[in-house]
Amino acid sequence: MLFNRKKKKEIMPKVRIASSSWYKLKGLMFENQQQFDYALVFPLPRESIAMATIHMLFVFFPIDVVYLDKNKKVVDIVQNLQPFTPSCSPKKPSKFFIELPVGKSKGISIGDELGW
């Protein structure tokens, strides 16, 4: 479960961790929107803007993206990121980013602490 520790609120009941190199590479490419009913967490080796930069090539539906620092505090939120966007980077270095179904980041604010 993905939850907002600061606001004590559940965000998503299901969480998947992109732990393998293949899963990190594939992400949501070619995924069916109706099957995307989970939060997809990408852990990174270290905090970085460049390593947290994503693309939406071959993702056929919009998503929300939440960027977190090493303490799992929200440093940036991108809502309604459109399909085939070539590049999206956080405003601050991130250790994690979470891809969510569009609209699921509502209620999350910069500085909130998330957990899973």
PDB file of N, CA and C in Angstrom:
ATOM      1  N   MET A   1       0.842  -1.178   0.000  1.00  0.00           N
ATOM      2  CA  MET A   1       0.000   0.000   0.000  1.00  0.00           C
ATOM      3  C   MET A   1       0.890   1.245   0.000  1.00  0.00           C
ATOM      4  N   LEU A   2       0.521   2.226  -0.805  1.00  0.00           N
ATOM      5  CA  LEU A   2       1.194   3.520  -0.811  1.00  0.00           C
ATOM      6  C   LEU A   2       0.368   4.458   0.051  1.00  0.00           C
ATOM      7  N   PHE A   3       1.035   5.096   1.010  1.00  0.00           N
ATOM      8  CA  PHE A   3       0.296   5.993   1.899  1.00  0.00           C
ATOM      9  C   PHE A   3       1.098   7.254   2.198  1.00  0.00           C
ATOM     10  N   ASN A   4       0.341   8.288   2.567  1.00  0.00           N
ATOM     11  CA  ASN A   4       0.917   9.578   2.921  1.00  0.00           C
ATOM     12  C   ASN A   4       1.055   9.585   4.441  1.00  0.00           C
ATOM     13  N   ARG A   5       2.290   9.488   4.929  1.00  0.00           N
ATOM     14  CA  ARG A   5       2.523   9.432   6.377  1.00  0.00           C
ATOM     15  C   ARG A   5       2.150  10.735   7.068  1.00  0.00           C
ATOM     16  N   LYS A   6       2.409  11.846   6.400  1.00  0.00           N
ATOM     17  CA  LYS A   6       2.131  13.149   7.003  1.00  0.00           C
ATOM     18  C   LYS A   6       0.628  13.364   7.187  1.00  0.00           C
ATOM     19  N   LYS A   7      -0.133  13.000   6.165  1.00  0.00           N
ATOM     20  CA  LYS A   7      -1.585  13.225   6.199  1.00  0.00           C
ATOM     21  C   LYS A   7      -2.361  11.989   6.656  1.00  0.00           C
ATOM     22  N   LYS A   8      -1.631  10.896   6.908  1.00  0.00           N
ATOM     23  CA  LYS A   8      -2.249   9.642   7.364  1.00  0.00           C
ATOM     24  C   LYS A   8      -3.395   9.220   6.429  1.00  0.00           C
ATOM     25  N   LYS A   9      -3.054   9.137   5.135  1.00  0.00           N
ATOM     26  CA  LYS A   9      -4.063   8.825   4.133  1.00  0.00           C
ATOM     27  C   LYS A   9      -3.509   7.838   3.114  1.00  0.00           C
ATOM     28  N   GLU A  10      -4.307   6.829   2.765  1.00  0.00           N
ATOM     29  CA  GLU A  10      -3.927   5.875   1.717  1.00  0.00           C
ATOM     30  C   GLU A  10      -4.028   6.551   0.359  1.00  0.00           C
ATOM     31  N   ILE A  11      -3.024   6.290  -0.479  1.00  0.00           N
ATOM     32  CA  ILE A  11      -3.026   6.831  -1.843  1.00  0.00           C
ATOM     33  C   ILE A  11      -3.419   5.739  -2.839  1.00  0.00           C
ATOM     34  N   MET A  12      -2.766   4.569  -2.727  1.00  0.00           N
ATOM     35  CA  MET A  12      -3.044   3.430  -3.618  1.00  0.00           C
ATOM     36  C   MET A  12      -2.945   2.141  -2.806  1.00  0.00           C
ATOM     37  N   PRO A  13      -3.875   1.213  -2.993  1.00  0.00           N
ATOM     38  CA  PRO A  13      -3.796  -0.043  -2.246  1.00  0.00           C
ATOM     39  C   PRO A  13      -2.702  -0.985  -2.750  1.00  0.00           C
ATOM     40  N   LYS A  14      -2.360  -0.902  -4.035  1.00  0.00           N
ATOM     41  CA  LYS A  14      -1.342  -1.798  -4.602  1.00  0.00           C
ATOM     42  C   LYS A  14      -0.084  -1.023  -4.976  1.00  0.00           C
ATOM     43  N   VAL A  15       1.066  -1.637  -4.704  1.00  0.00           N
ATOM     44  CA  VAL A  15       2.367  -1.047  -5.047  1.00  0.00           C
ATOM     45  C   VAL A  15       3.217  -2.111  -5.714  1.00  0.00           C
ATOM     46  N   ARG A  16       3.900  -1.719  -6.770  1.00  0.00           N
ATOM     47  CA  ARG A  16       4.907  -2.576  -7.409  1.00  0.00           C
ATOM     48  C   ARG A  16       6.224  -1.812  -7.384  1.00  0.00           C
ATOM     49  N   ILE A  17       7.305  -2.538  -7.134  1.00  0.00           N
ATOM     50  CA  ILE A  17       8.634  -1.938  -7.105  1.00  0.00           C
ATOM     51  C   ILE A  17       9.366  -2.343  -8.382  1.00  0.00           C
ATOM     52  N   ALA A  18       9.868  -1.366  -9.116  1.00  0.00           N
ATOM     53  CA  ALA A  18      10.672  -1.629 -10.316  1.00  0.00           C
ATOM     54  C   ALA A  18      12.099  -1.923  -9.855  1.00  0.00           C
ATOM     55  N   SER A  19      12.331  -3.153  -9.444  1.00  0.00           N
ATOM     56  CA  SER A  19      13.621  -3.494  -8.838  1.00  0.00           C
ATOM     57  C   SER A  19      14.624  -4.065  -9.833  1.00  0.00           C
ATOM     58  N   SER A  20      14.171  -4.691 -10.886  1.00  0.00           N
ATOM     59  CA  SER A  20      15.111  -5.254 -11.864  1.00  0.00           C
ATOM     60  C   SER A  20      15.449  -4.222 -12.938  1.00  0.00           C
ATOM     61  N   SER A  21      16.568  -4.424 -13.582  1.00  0.00           N
ATOM     62  CA  SER A  21      16.973  -3.528 -14.679  1.00  0.00           C
ATOM     63  C   SER A  21      15.929  -3.527 -15.786  1.00  0.00           C
ATOM     64  N   TRP A  22      15.390  -4.707 -16.097  1.00  0.00           N
ATOM     65  CA  TRP A  22      14.384  -4.803 -17.151  1.00  0.00           C
ATOM     66  C   TRP A  22      13.131  -4.013 -16.782  1.00  0.00           C
ATOM     67  N   TYR A  23      12.655  -4.167 -15.537  1.00  0.00           N
ATOM     68  CA  TYR A  23      11.445  -3.468 -15.106  1.00  0.00           C
ATOM     69  C   TYR A  23      11.674  -1.958 -15.117  1.00  0.00           C
ATOM     70  N   LYS A  24      12.860  -1.518 -14.702  1.00  0.00           N
ATOM     71  CA  LYS A  24      13.172  -0.082 -14.725  1.00  0.00           C
ATOM     72  C   LYS A  24      13.193   0.444 -16.156  1.00  0.00           C
ATOM     73  N   LEU A  25      13.720  -0.364 -17.076  1.00  0.00           N
ATOM     74  CA  LEU A  25      13.780   0.045 -18.476  1.00  0.00           C
ATOM     75  C   LEU A  25      12.387   0.096 -19.097  1.00  0.00           C
ATOM     76  N   LYS A  26      11.589  -0.927 -18.837  1.00  0.00           N
ATOM     77  CA  LYS A  26      10.260  -1.026 -19.444  1.00  0.00           C
ATOM     78  C   LYS A  26       9.262  -0.067 -18.826  1.00  0.00           C
ATOM     79  N   GLY A  27       9.246   0.039 -17.494  1.00  0.00           N
ATOM     80  CA  GLY A  27       8.281   0.914 -16.837  1.00  0.00           C
ATOM     81  C   GLY A  27       6.868   0.630 -17.284  1.00  0.00           C
ATOM     82  N   LEU A  28       6.185   1.639 -17.782  1.00  0.00           N
ATOM     83  CA  LEU A  28       4.803   1.491 -18.242  1.00  0.00           C
ATOM     84  C   LEU A  28       4.681   1.400 -19.763  1.00  0.00           C
ATOM     85  N   MET A  29       5.802   1.266 -20.449  1.00  0.00           N
ATOM     86  CA  MET A  29       5.726   1.162 -21.912  1.00  0.00           C
ATOM     87  C   MET A  29       4.881  -0.047 -22.307  1.00  0.00           C
ATOM     88  N   PHE A  30       3.970   0.173 -23.221  1.00  0.00           N
ATOM     89  CA  PHE A  30       3.090  -0.847 -23.781  1.00  0.00           C
ATOM     90  C   PHE A  30       2.091  -1.407 -22.754  1.00  0.00           C
ATOM     91  N   GLU A  31       1.979  -0.791 -21.591  1.00  0.00           N
ATOM     92  CA  GLU A  31       1.028  -1.229 -20.563  1.00  0.00           C
ATOM     93  C   GLU A  31      -0.390  -0.835 -20.994  1.00  0.00           C
ATOM     94  N   ASN A  32      -1.361  -1.618 -20.583  1.00  0.00           N
ATOM     95  CA  ASN A  32      -2.767  -1.326 -20.821  1.00  0.00           C
ATOM     96  C   ASN A  32      -3.259  -0.419 -19.693  1.00  0.00           C
ATOM     97  N   GLN A  33      -3.889   0.668 -20.025  1.00  0.00           N
ATOM     98  CA  GLN A  33      -4.344   1.626 -19.013  1.00  0.00           C
ATOM     99  C   GLN A  33      -5.292   0.986 -17.998  1.00  0.00           C
ATOM    100  N   GLN A  34      -6.147   0.073 -18.430  1.00  0.00           N
ATOM    101  CA  GLN A  34      -7.093  -0.562 -17.508  1.00  0.00           C
ATOM    102  C   GLN A  34      -6.373  -1.464 -16.495  1.00  0.00           C
ATOM    103  N   GLN A  35      -5.183  -1.927 -16.824  1.00  0.00           N
ATOM    104  CA  GLN A  35      -4.416  -2.781 -15.909  1.00  0.00           C
ATOM    105  C   GLN A  35      -3.522  -1.977 -14.968  1.00  0.00           C
ATOM    106  N   PHE A  36      -3.405  -0.684 -15.205  1.00  0.00           N
ATOM    107  CA  PHE A  36      -2.560   0.171 -14.366  1.00  0.00           C
ATOM    108  C   PHE A  36      -3.370   0.656 -13.168  1.00  0.00           C
ATOM    109  N   ASP A  37      -3.481  -0.198 -12.165  1.00  0.00           N
ATOM    110  CA  ASP A  37      -4.244   0.098 -10.955  1.00  0.00           C
ATOM    111  C   ASP A  37      -3.351   0.010  -9.720  1.00  0.00           C
ATOM    112  N   TYR A  38      -2.109   0.442  -9.874  1.00  0.00           N
ATOM    113  CA  TYR A  38      -1.108   0.335  -8.814  1.00  0.00           C
ATOM    114  C   TYR A  38      -0.158   1.527  -8.885  1.00  0.00           C
ATOM    115  N   ALA A  39       0.613   1.696  -7.817  1.00  0.00           N
ATOM    116  CA  ALA A  39       1.696   2.685  -7.807  1.00  0.00           C
ATOM    117  C   ALA A  39       2.968   1.954  -8.209  1.00  0.00           C
ATOM    118  N   LEU A  40       3.697   2.479  -9.174  1.00  0.00           N
ATOM    119  CA  LEU A  40       4.946   1.874  -9.629  1.00  0.00           C
ATOM    120  C   LEU A  40       6.111   2.699  -9.079  1.00  0.00           C
ATOM    121  N   VAL A  41       6.848   2.115  -8.130  1.00  0.00           N
ATOM    122  CA  VAL A  41       7.938   2.801  -7.439  1.00  0.00           C
ATOM    123  C   VAL A  41       9.273   2.439  -8.092  1.00  0.00           C
ATOM    124  N   PHE A  42      10.044   3.468  -8.423  1.00  0.00           N
ATOM    125  CA  PHE A  42      11.379   3.291  -8.988  1.00  0.00           C
ATOM    126  C   PHE A  42      12.415   3.761  -7.972  1.00  0.00           C
ATOM    127  N   PRO A  43      13.131   2.834  -7.318  1.00  0.00           N
ATOM    128  CA  PRO A  43      14.237   3.237  -6.445  1.00  0.00           C
ATOM    129  C   PRO A  43      15.482   3.489  -7.296  1.00  0.00           C
ATOM    130  N   LEU A  44      16.201   4.537  -6.981  1.00  0.00           N
ATOM    131  CA  LEU A  44      17.416   4.891  -7.728  1.00  0.00           C
ATOM    132  C   LEU A  44      18.645   4.666  -6.841  1.00  0.00           C
ATOM    133  N   PRO A  45      19.817   4.457  -7.440  1.00  0.00           N
ATOM    134  CA  PRO A  45      21.021   4.218  -6.643  1.00  0.00           C
ATOM    135  C   PRO A  45      21.414   5.379  -5.741  1.00  0.00           C
ATOM    136  N   ARG A  46      21.096   6.589  -6.176  1.00  0.00           N
ATOM    137  CA  ARG A  46      21.411   7.783  -5.382  1.00  0.00           C
ATOM    138  C   ARG A  46      20.486   8.926  -5.813  1.00  0.00           C
ATOM    139  N   GLU A  47      20.446   9.969  -5.022  1.00  0.00           N
ATOM    140  CA  GLU A  47      19.646  11.138  -5.398  1.00  0.00           C
ATOM    141  C   GLU A  47      20.248  11.789  -6.633  1.00  0.00           C
ATOM    142  N   SER A  48      19.399  12.099  -7.578  1.00  0.00           N
ATOM    143  CA  SER A  48      19.865  12.673  -8.837  1.00  0.00           C
ATOM    144  C   SER A  48      18.693  13.268  -9.597  1.00  0.00           C
ATOM    145  N   ILE A  49      18.973  14.297 -10.356  1.00  0.00           N
ATOM    146  CA  ILE A  49      17.963  14.805 -11.296  1.00  0.00           C
ATOM    147  C   ILE A  49      18.030  13.984 -12.579  1.00  0.00           C
ATOM    148  N   ALA A  50      19.246  13.770 -13.090  1.00  0.00           N
ATOM    149  CA  ALA A  50      19.414  13.059 -14.362  1.00  0.00           C
ATOM    150  C   ALA A  50      18.880  11.629 -14.294  1.00  0.00           C
ATOM    151  N   MET A  51      19.195  10.906 -13.221  1.00  0.00           N
ATOM    152  CA  MET A  51      18.751   9.515 -13.114  1.00  0.00           C
ATOM    153  C   MET A  51      17.245   9.404 -12.911  1.00  0.00           C
ATOM    154  N   ALA A  52      16.618  10.462 -12.439  1.00  0.00           N
ATOM    155  CA  ALA A  52      15.172  10.465 -12.216  1.00  0.00           C
ATOM    156  C   ALA A  52      14.395  11.011 -13.411  1.00  0.00           C
ATOM    157  N   THR A  53      15.099  11.363 -14.468  1.00  0.00           N
ATOM    158  CA  THR A  53      14.448  11.865 -15.676  1.00  0.00           C
ATOM    159  C   THR A  53      13.780  10.695 -16.399  1.00  0.00           C
ATOM    160  N   ILE A  54      12.520  10.873 -16.751  1.00  0.00           N
ATOM    161  CA  ILE A  54      11.769   9.815 -17.418  1.00  0.00           C
ATOM    162  C   ILE A  54      11.275  10.292 -18.779  1.00  0.00           C
ATOM    163  N   HIS A  55      10.793   9.341 -19.574  1.00  0.00           N
ATOM    164  CA  HIS A  55      10.140   9.651 -20.842  1.00  0.00           C
ATOM    165  C   HIS A  55       8.809   8.906 -20.872  1.00  0.00           C
ATOM    166  N   MET A  56       7.957   9.301 -21.771  1.00  0.00           N
ATOM    167  CA  MET A  56       6.647   8.662 -21.921  1.00  0.00           C
ATOM    168  C   MET A  56       6.503   8.004 -23.296  1.00  0.00           C
ATOM    169  N   LEU A  57       7.630   7.686 -23.920  1.00  0.00           N
ATOM    170  CA  LEU A  57       7.576   7.032 -25.218  1.00  0.00           C
ATOM    171  C   LEU A  57       6.948   5.651 -25.056  1.00  0.00           C
ATOM    172  N   PHE A  58       5.992   5.355 -25.895  1.00  0.00           N
ATOM    173  CA  PHE A  58       5.260   4.086 -25.883  1.00  0.00           C
ATOM    174  C   PHE A  58       4.441   3.861 -24.612  1.00  0.00           C
ATOM    175  N   VAL A  59       4.156   4.929 -23.897  1.00  0.00           N
ATOM    176  CA  VAL A  59       3.156   4.909 -22.831  1.00  0.00           C
ATOM    177  C   VAL A  59       1.949   5.624 -23.440  1.00  0.00           C
ATOM    178  N   PHE A  60       0.818   4.940 -23.516  1.00  0.00           N
ATOM    179  CA  PHE A  60      -0.299   5.412 -24.312  1.00  0.00           C
ATOM    180  C   PHE A  60      -1.389   6.113 -23.521  1.00  0.00           C
ATOM    181  N   PHE A  61      -1.096   6.500 -22.285  1.00  0.00           N
ATOM    182  CA  PHE A  61      -2.086   7.181 -21.446  1.00  0.00           C
ATOM    183  C   PHE A  61      -1.348   8.114 -20.487  1.00  0.00           C
ATOM    184  N   PRO A  62      -2.022   9.174 -20.013  1.00  0.00           N
ATOM    185  CA  PRO A  62      -1.376  10.104 -19.084  1.00  0.00           C
ATOM    186  C   PRO A  62      -1.208   9.480 -17.694  1.00  0.00           C
ATOM    187  N   ILE A  63      -0.208   9.964 -16.956  1.00  0.00           N
ATOM    188  CA  ILE A  63       0.054   9.493 -15.593  1.00  0.00           C
ATOM    189  C   ILE A  63       0.434  10.685 -14.718  1.00  0.00           C
ATOM    190  N   ASP A  64       0.458  10.450 -13.421  1.00  0.00           N
ATOM    191  CA  ASP A  64       1.028  11.391 -12.462  1.00  0.00           C
ATOM    192  C   ASP A  64       2.356  10.816 -11.993  1.00  0.00           C
ATOM    193  N   VAL A  65       3.322  11.689 -11.714  1.00  0.00           N
ATOM    194  CA  VAL A  65       4.626  11.254 -11.220  1.00  0.00           C
ATOM    195  C   VAL A  65       4.954  12.052  -9.965  1.00  0.00           C
ATOM    196  N   VAL A  66       5.361  11.333  -8.917  1.00  0.00           N
ATOM    197  CA  VAL A  66       5.751  11.963  -7.655  1.00  0.00           C
ATOM    198  C   VAL A  66       7.221  11.627  -7.425  1.00  0.00           C
ATOM    199  N   TYR A  67       8.036  12.660  -7.198  1.00  0.00           N
ATOM    200  CA  TYR A  67       9.474  12.497  -6.960  1.00  0.00           C
ATOM    201  C   TYR A  67       9.762  12.667  -5.473  1.00  0.00           C
ATOM    202  N   LEU A  68      10.589  11.754  -4.925  1.00  0.00           N
ATOM    203  CA  LEU A  68      10.905  11.751  -3.493  1.00  0.00           C
ATOM    204  C   LEU A  68      12.413  11.809  -3.274  1.00  0.00           C
ATOM    205  N   ASP A  69      12.812  12.415  -2.157  1.00  0.00           N
ATOM    206  CA  ASP A  69      14.234  12.424  -1.790  1.00  0.00           C
ATOM    207  C   ASP A  69      14.577  11.144  -1.026  1.00  0.00           C
ATOM    208  N   LYS A  70      15.782  11.062  -0.487  1.00  0.00           N
ATOM    209  CA  LYS A  70      16.239   9.846   0.203  1.00  0.00           C
ATOM    210  C   LYS A  70      15.433   9.551   1.465  1.00  0.00           C
ATOM    211  N   ASN A  71      14.758  10.548   2.019  1.00  0.00           N
ATOM    212  CA  ASN A  71      13.916  10.358   3.206  1.00  0.00           C
ATOM    213  C   ASN A  71      12.455  10.103   2.846  1.00  0.00           C
ATOM    214  N   LYS A  72      12.196   9.906   1.559  1.00  0.00           N
ATOM    215  CA  LYS A  72      10.851   9.662   1.020  1.00  0.00           C
ATOM    216  C   LYS A  72       9.932  10.871   1.194  1.00  0.00           C
ATOM    217  N   LYS A  73      10.540  12.058   1.209  1.00  0.00           N
ATOM    218  CA  LYS A  73       9.752  13.295   1.233  1.00  0.00           C
ATOM    219  C   LYS A  73       9.573  13.784  -0.206  1.00  0.00           C
ATOM    220  N   VAL A  74       8.385  14.249  -0.493  1.00  0.00           N
ATOM    221  CA  VAL A  74       8.029  14.696  -1.841  1.00  0.00           C
ATOM    222  C   VAL A  74       8.792  15.976  -2.169  1.00  0.00           C
ATOM    223  N   VAL A  75       9.539  15.950  -3.303  1.00  0.00           N
ATOM    224  CA  VAL A  75      10.275  17.133  -3.756  1.00  0.00           C
ATOM    225  C   VAL A  75       9.690  17.725  -5.040  1.00  0.00           C
ATOM    226  N   ASP A  76       8.866  16.940  -5.752  1.00  0.00           N
ATOM    227  CA  ASP A  76       8.240  17.451  -6.972  1.00  0.00           C
ATOM    228  C   ASP A  76       7.070  16.536  -7.335  1.00  0.00           C
ATOM    229  N   ILE A  77       6.078  17.123  -7.994  1.00  0.00           N
ATOM    230  CA  ILE A  77       4.897  16.388  -8.456  1.00  0.00           C
ATOM    231  C   ILE A  77       4.593  16.849  -9.878  1.00  0.00           C
ATOM    232  N   VAL A  78       4.395  15.900 -10.771  1.00  0.00           N
ATOM    233  CA  VAL A  78       3.988  16.211 -12.142  1.00  0.00           C
ATOM    234  C   VAL A  78       2.644  15.520 -12.365  1.00  0.00           C
ATOM    235  N   GLN A  79       1.630  16.309 -12.601  1.00  0.00           N
ATOM    236  CA  GLN A  79       0.296  15.761 -12.821  1.00  0.00           C
ATOM    237  C   GLN A  79      -0.026  15.746 -14.306  1.00  0.00           C
ATOM    238  N   ASN A  80      -0.737  14.701 -14.711  1.00  0.00           N
ATOM    239  CA  ASN A  80      -1.240  14.587 -16.077  1.00  0.00           C
ATOM    240  C   ASN A  80      -0.115  14.650 -17.120  1.00  0.00           C
ATOM    241  N   LEU A  81       0.951  13.901 -16.876  1.00  0.00           N
ATOM    242  CA  LEU A  81       2.049  13.815 -17.844  1.00  0.00           C
ATOM    243  C   LEU A  81       1.548  13.053 -19.066  1.00  0.00           C
ATOM    244  N   GLN A  82       1.654  13.677 -20.208  1.00  0.00           N
ATOM    245  CA  GLN A  82       1.015  13.175 -21.421  1.00  0.00           C
ATOM    246  C   GLN A  82       1.839  12.096 -22.139  1.00  0.00           C
ATOM    247  N   PRO A  83       1.129  11.179 -22.837  1.00  0.00           N
ATOM    248  CA  PRO A  83       1.813  10.147 -23.615  1.00  0.00           C
ATOM    249  C   PRO A  83       2.814  10.756 -24.598  1.00  0.00           C
ATOM    250  N   PHE A  84       3.898  10.043 -24.798  1.00  0.00           N
ATOM    251  CA  PHE A  84       4.956  10.375 -25.746  1.00  0.00           C
ATOM    252  C   PHE A  84       5.702  11.672 -25.416  1.00  0.00           C
ATOM    253  N   THR A  85       5.607  12.146 -24.170  1.00  0.00           N
ATOM    254  CA  THR A  85       6.435  13.263 -23.723  1.00  0.00           C
ATOM    255  C   THR A  85       7.890  12.776 -23.742  1.00  0.00           C
ATOM    256  N   PRO A  86       8.796  13.485 -24.425  1.00  0.00           N
ATOM    257  CA  PRO A  86      10.158  12.971 -24.580  1.00  0.00           C
ATOM    258  C   PRO A  86      11.009  13.001 -23.312  1.00  0.00           C
ATOM    259  N   SER A  87      10.699  13.917 -22.380  1.00  0.00           N
ATOM    260  CA  SER A  87      11.540  14.021 -21.192  1.00  0.00           C
ATOM    261  C   SER A  87      10.803  14.758 -20.078  1.00  0.00           C
ATOM    262  N   CYS A  88      10.961  14.250 -18.857  1.00  0.00           N
ATOM    263  CA  CYS A  88      10.384  14.899 -17.680  1.00  0.00           C
ATOM    264  C   CYS A  88      11.359  14.716 -16.531  1.00  0.00           C
ATOM    265  N   SER A  89      11.856  15.823 -15.996  1.00  0.00           N
ATOM    266  CA  SER A  89      12.842  15.791 -14.911  1.00  0.00           C
ATOM    267  C   SER A  89      12.285  16.454 -13.665  1.00  0.00           C
ATOM    268  N   PRO A  90      12.691  15.959 -12.487  1.00  0.00           N
ATOM    269  CA  PRO A  90      12.260  16.622 -11.253  1.00  0.00           C
ATOM    270  C   PRO A  90      12.991  17.946 -11.063  1.00  0.00           C
ATOM    271  N   LYS A  91      12.397  18.818 -10.266  1.00  0.00           N
ATOM    272  CA  LYS A  91      13.027  20.110  -9.983  1.00  0.00           C
ATOM    273  C   LYS A  91      14.181  19.975  -9.002  1.00  0.00           C
ATOM    274  N   LYS A  92      14.161  18.905  -8.188  1.00  0.00           N
ATOM    275  CA  LYS A  92      15.211  18.656  -7.202  1.00  0.00           C
ATOM    276  C   LYS A  92      15.678  17.207  -7.328  1.00  0.00           C
ATOM    277  N   PRO A  93      16.887  16.924  -6.871  1.00  0.00           N
ATOM    278  CA  PRO A  93      17.366  15.540  -6.924  1.00  0.00           C
ATOM    279  C   PRO A  93      16.417  14.588  -6.205  1.00  0.00           C
ATOM    280  N   SER A  94      16.248  13.398  -6.784  1.00  0.00           N
ATOM    281  CA  SER A  94      15.313  12.409  -6.264  1.00  0.00           C
ATOM    282  C   SER A  94      15.990  11.052  -6.118  1.00  0.00           C
ATOM    283  N   LYS A  95      15.624  10.337  -5.077  1.00  0.00           N
ATOM    284  CA  LYS A  95      16.109   8.972  -4.827  1.00  0.00           C
ATOM    285  C   LYS A  95      15.063   7.952  -5.269  1.00  0.00           C
ATOM    286  N   PHE A  96      13.806   8.392  -5.327  1.00  0.00           N
ATOM    287  CA  PHE A  96      12.684   7.553  -5.755  1.00  0.00           C
ATOM    288  C   PHE A  96      11.768   8.393  -6.631  1.00  0.00           C
ATOM    289  N   PHE A  97      11.092   7.737  -7.566  1.00  0.00           N
ATOM    290  CA  PHE A  97       9.932   8.371  -8.194  1.00  0.00           C
ATOM    291  C   PHE A  97       8.845   7.319  -8.314  1.00  0.00           C
ATOM    292  N   ILE A  98       7.620   7.807  -8.293  1.00  0.00           N
ATOM    293  CA  ILE A  98       6.456   6.923  -8.292  1.00  0.00           C
ATOM    294  C   ILE A  98       5.534   7.332  -9.426  1.00  0.00           C
ATOM    295  N   GLU A  99       5.215   6.374 -10.292  1.00  0.00           N
ATOM    296  CA  GLU A  99       4.260   6.606 -11.363  1.00  0.00           C
ATOM    297  C   GLU A  99       2.892   6.123 -10.885  1.00  0.00           C
ATOM    298  N   LEU A 100       1.901   6.988 -11.049  1.00  0.00           N
ATOM    299  CA  LEU A 100       0.543   6.736 -10.551  1.00  0.00           C
ATOM    300  C   LEU A 100      -0.481   6.939 -11.656  1.00  0.00           C
ATOM    301  N   PRO A 101      -1.626   6.263 -11.570  1.00  0.00           N
ATOM    302  CA  PRO A 101      -2.717   6.595 -12.482  1.00  0.00           C
ATOM    303  C   PRO A 101      -3.055   8.091 -12.352  1.00  0.00           C
ATOM    304  N   VAL A 102      -3.415   8.688 -13.455  1.00  0.00           N
ATOM    305  CA  VAL A 102      -3.689  10.117 -13.465  1.00  0.00           C
ATOM    306  C   VAL A 102      -4.762  10.457 -12.429  1.00  0.00           C
ATOM    307  N   GLY A 103      -4.515  11.533 -11.681  1.00  0.00           N
ATOM    308  CA  GLY A 103      -5.433  11.997 -10.646  1.00  0.00           C
ATOM    309  C   GLY A 103      -5.115  11.479  -9.257  1.00  0.00           C
ATOM    310  N   LYS A 104      -4.301  10.428  -9.144  1.00  0.00           N
ATOM    311  CA  LYS A 104      -4.014   9.831  -7.837  1.00  0.00           C
ATOM    312  C   LYS A 104      -3.023  10.644  -7.007  1.00  0.00           C
ATOM    313  N   SER A 105      -2.377  11.637  -7.611  1.00  0.00           N
ATOM    314  CA  SER A 105      -1.453  12.481  -6.838  1.00  0.00           C
ATOM    315  C   SER A 105      -2.166  13.662  -6.187  1.00  0.00           C
ATOM    316  N   LYS A 106      -3.450  13.823  -6.484  1.00  0.00           N
ATOM    317  CA  LYS A 106      -4.197  14.907  -5.831  1.00  0.00           C
ATOM    318  C   LYS A 106      -4.195  14.662  -4.336  1.00  0.00           C
ATOM    319  N   GLY A 107      -3.956  15.663  -3.574  1.00  0.00           N
ATOM    320  CA  GLY A 107      -3.879  15.519  -2.127  1.00  0.00           C
ATOM    321  C   GLY A 107      -2.459  15.308  -1.622  1.00  0.00           C
ATOM    322  N   ILE A 108      -1.514  15.072  -2.538  1.00  0.00           N
ATOM    323  CA  ILE A 108      -0.101  14.971  -2.165  1.00  0.00           C
ATOM    324  C   ILE A 108       0.515  16.346  -2.347  1.00  0.00           C
ATOM    325  N   SER A 109       1.317  16.775  -1.383  1.00  0.00           N
ATOM    326  CA  SER A 109       1.949  18.097  -1.433  1.00  0.00           C
ATOM    327  C   SER A 109       3.461  17.964  -1.285  1.00  0.00           C
ATOM    328  N   ILE A 110       4.174  18.967  -1.780  1.00  0.00           N
ATOM    329  CA  ILE A 110       5.618  19.034  -1.568  1.00  0.00           C
ATOM    330  C   ILE A 110       5.870  18.998  -0.062  1.00  0.00           C
ATOM    331  N   GLY A 111       6.816  18.158   0.370  1.00  0.00           N
ATOM    332  CA  GLY A 111       7.130  18.039   1.780  1.00  0.00           C
ATOM    333  C   GLY A 111       6.432  16.884   2.482  1.00  0.00           C
ATOM    334  N   ASP A 112       5.383  16.336   1.864  1.00  0.00           N
ATOM    335  CA  ASP A 112       4.733  15.165   2.452  1.00  0.00           C
ATOM    336  C   ASP A 112       5.709  13.993   2.445  1.00  0.00           C
ATOM    337  N   GLU A 113       5.572  13.108   3.402  1.00  0.00           N
ATOM    338  CA  GLU A 113       6.393  11.894   3.456  1.00  0.00           C
ATOM    339  C   GLU A 113       5.527  10.709   3.094  1.00  0.00           C
ATOM    340  N   LEU A 114       5.970   9.947   2.086  1.00  0.00           N
ATOM    341  CA  LEU A 114       5.208   8.788   1.619  1.00  0.00           C
ATOM    342  C   LEU A 114       5.864   7.503   2.103  1.00  0.00           C
ATOM    343  N   GLY A 115       5.107   6.446   2.171  1.00  0.00           N
ATOM    344  CA  GLY A 115       5.610   5.138   2.560  1.00  0.00           C
ATOM    345  C   GLY A 115       4.923   4.035   1.794  1.00  0.00           C
ATOM    346  N   TRP A 116       5.587   2.886   1.742  1.00  0.00           N
ATOM    347  CA  TRP A 116       5.002   1.707   1.083  1.00  0.00           C
ATOM    348  C   TRP A 116       5.515   0.459   1.760  1.00  0.00           C
TER     349      TRP A 116
END
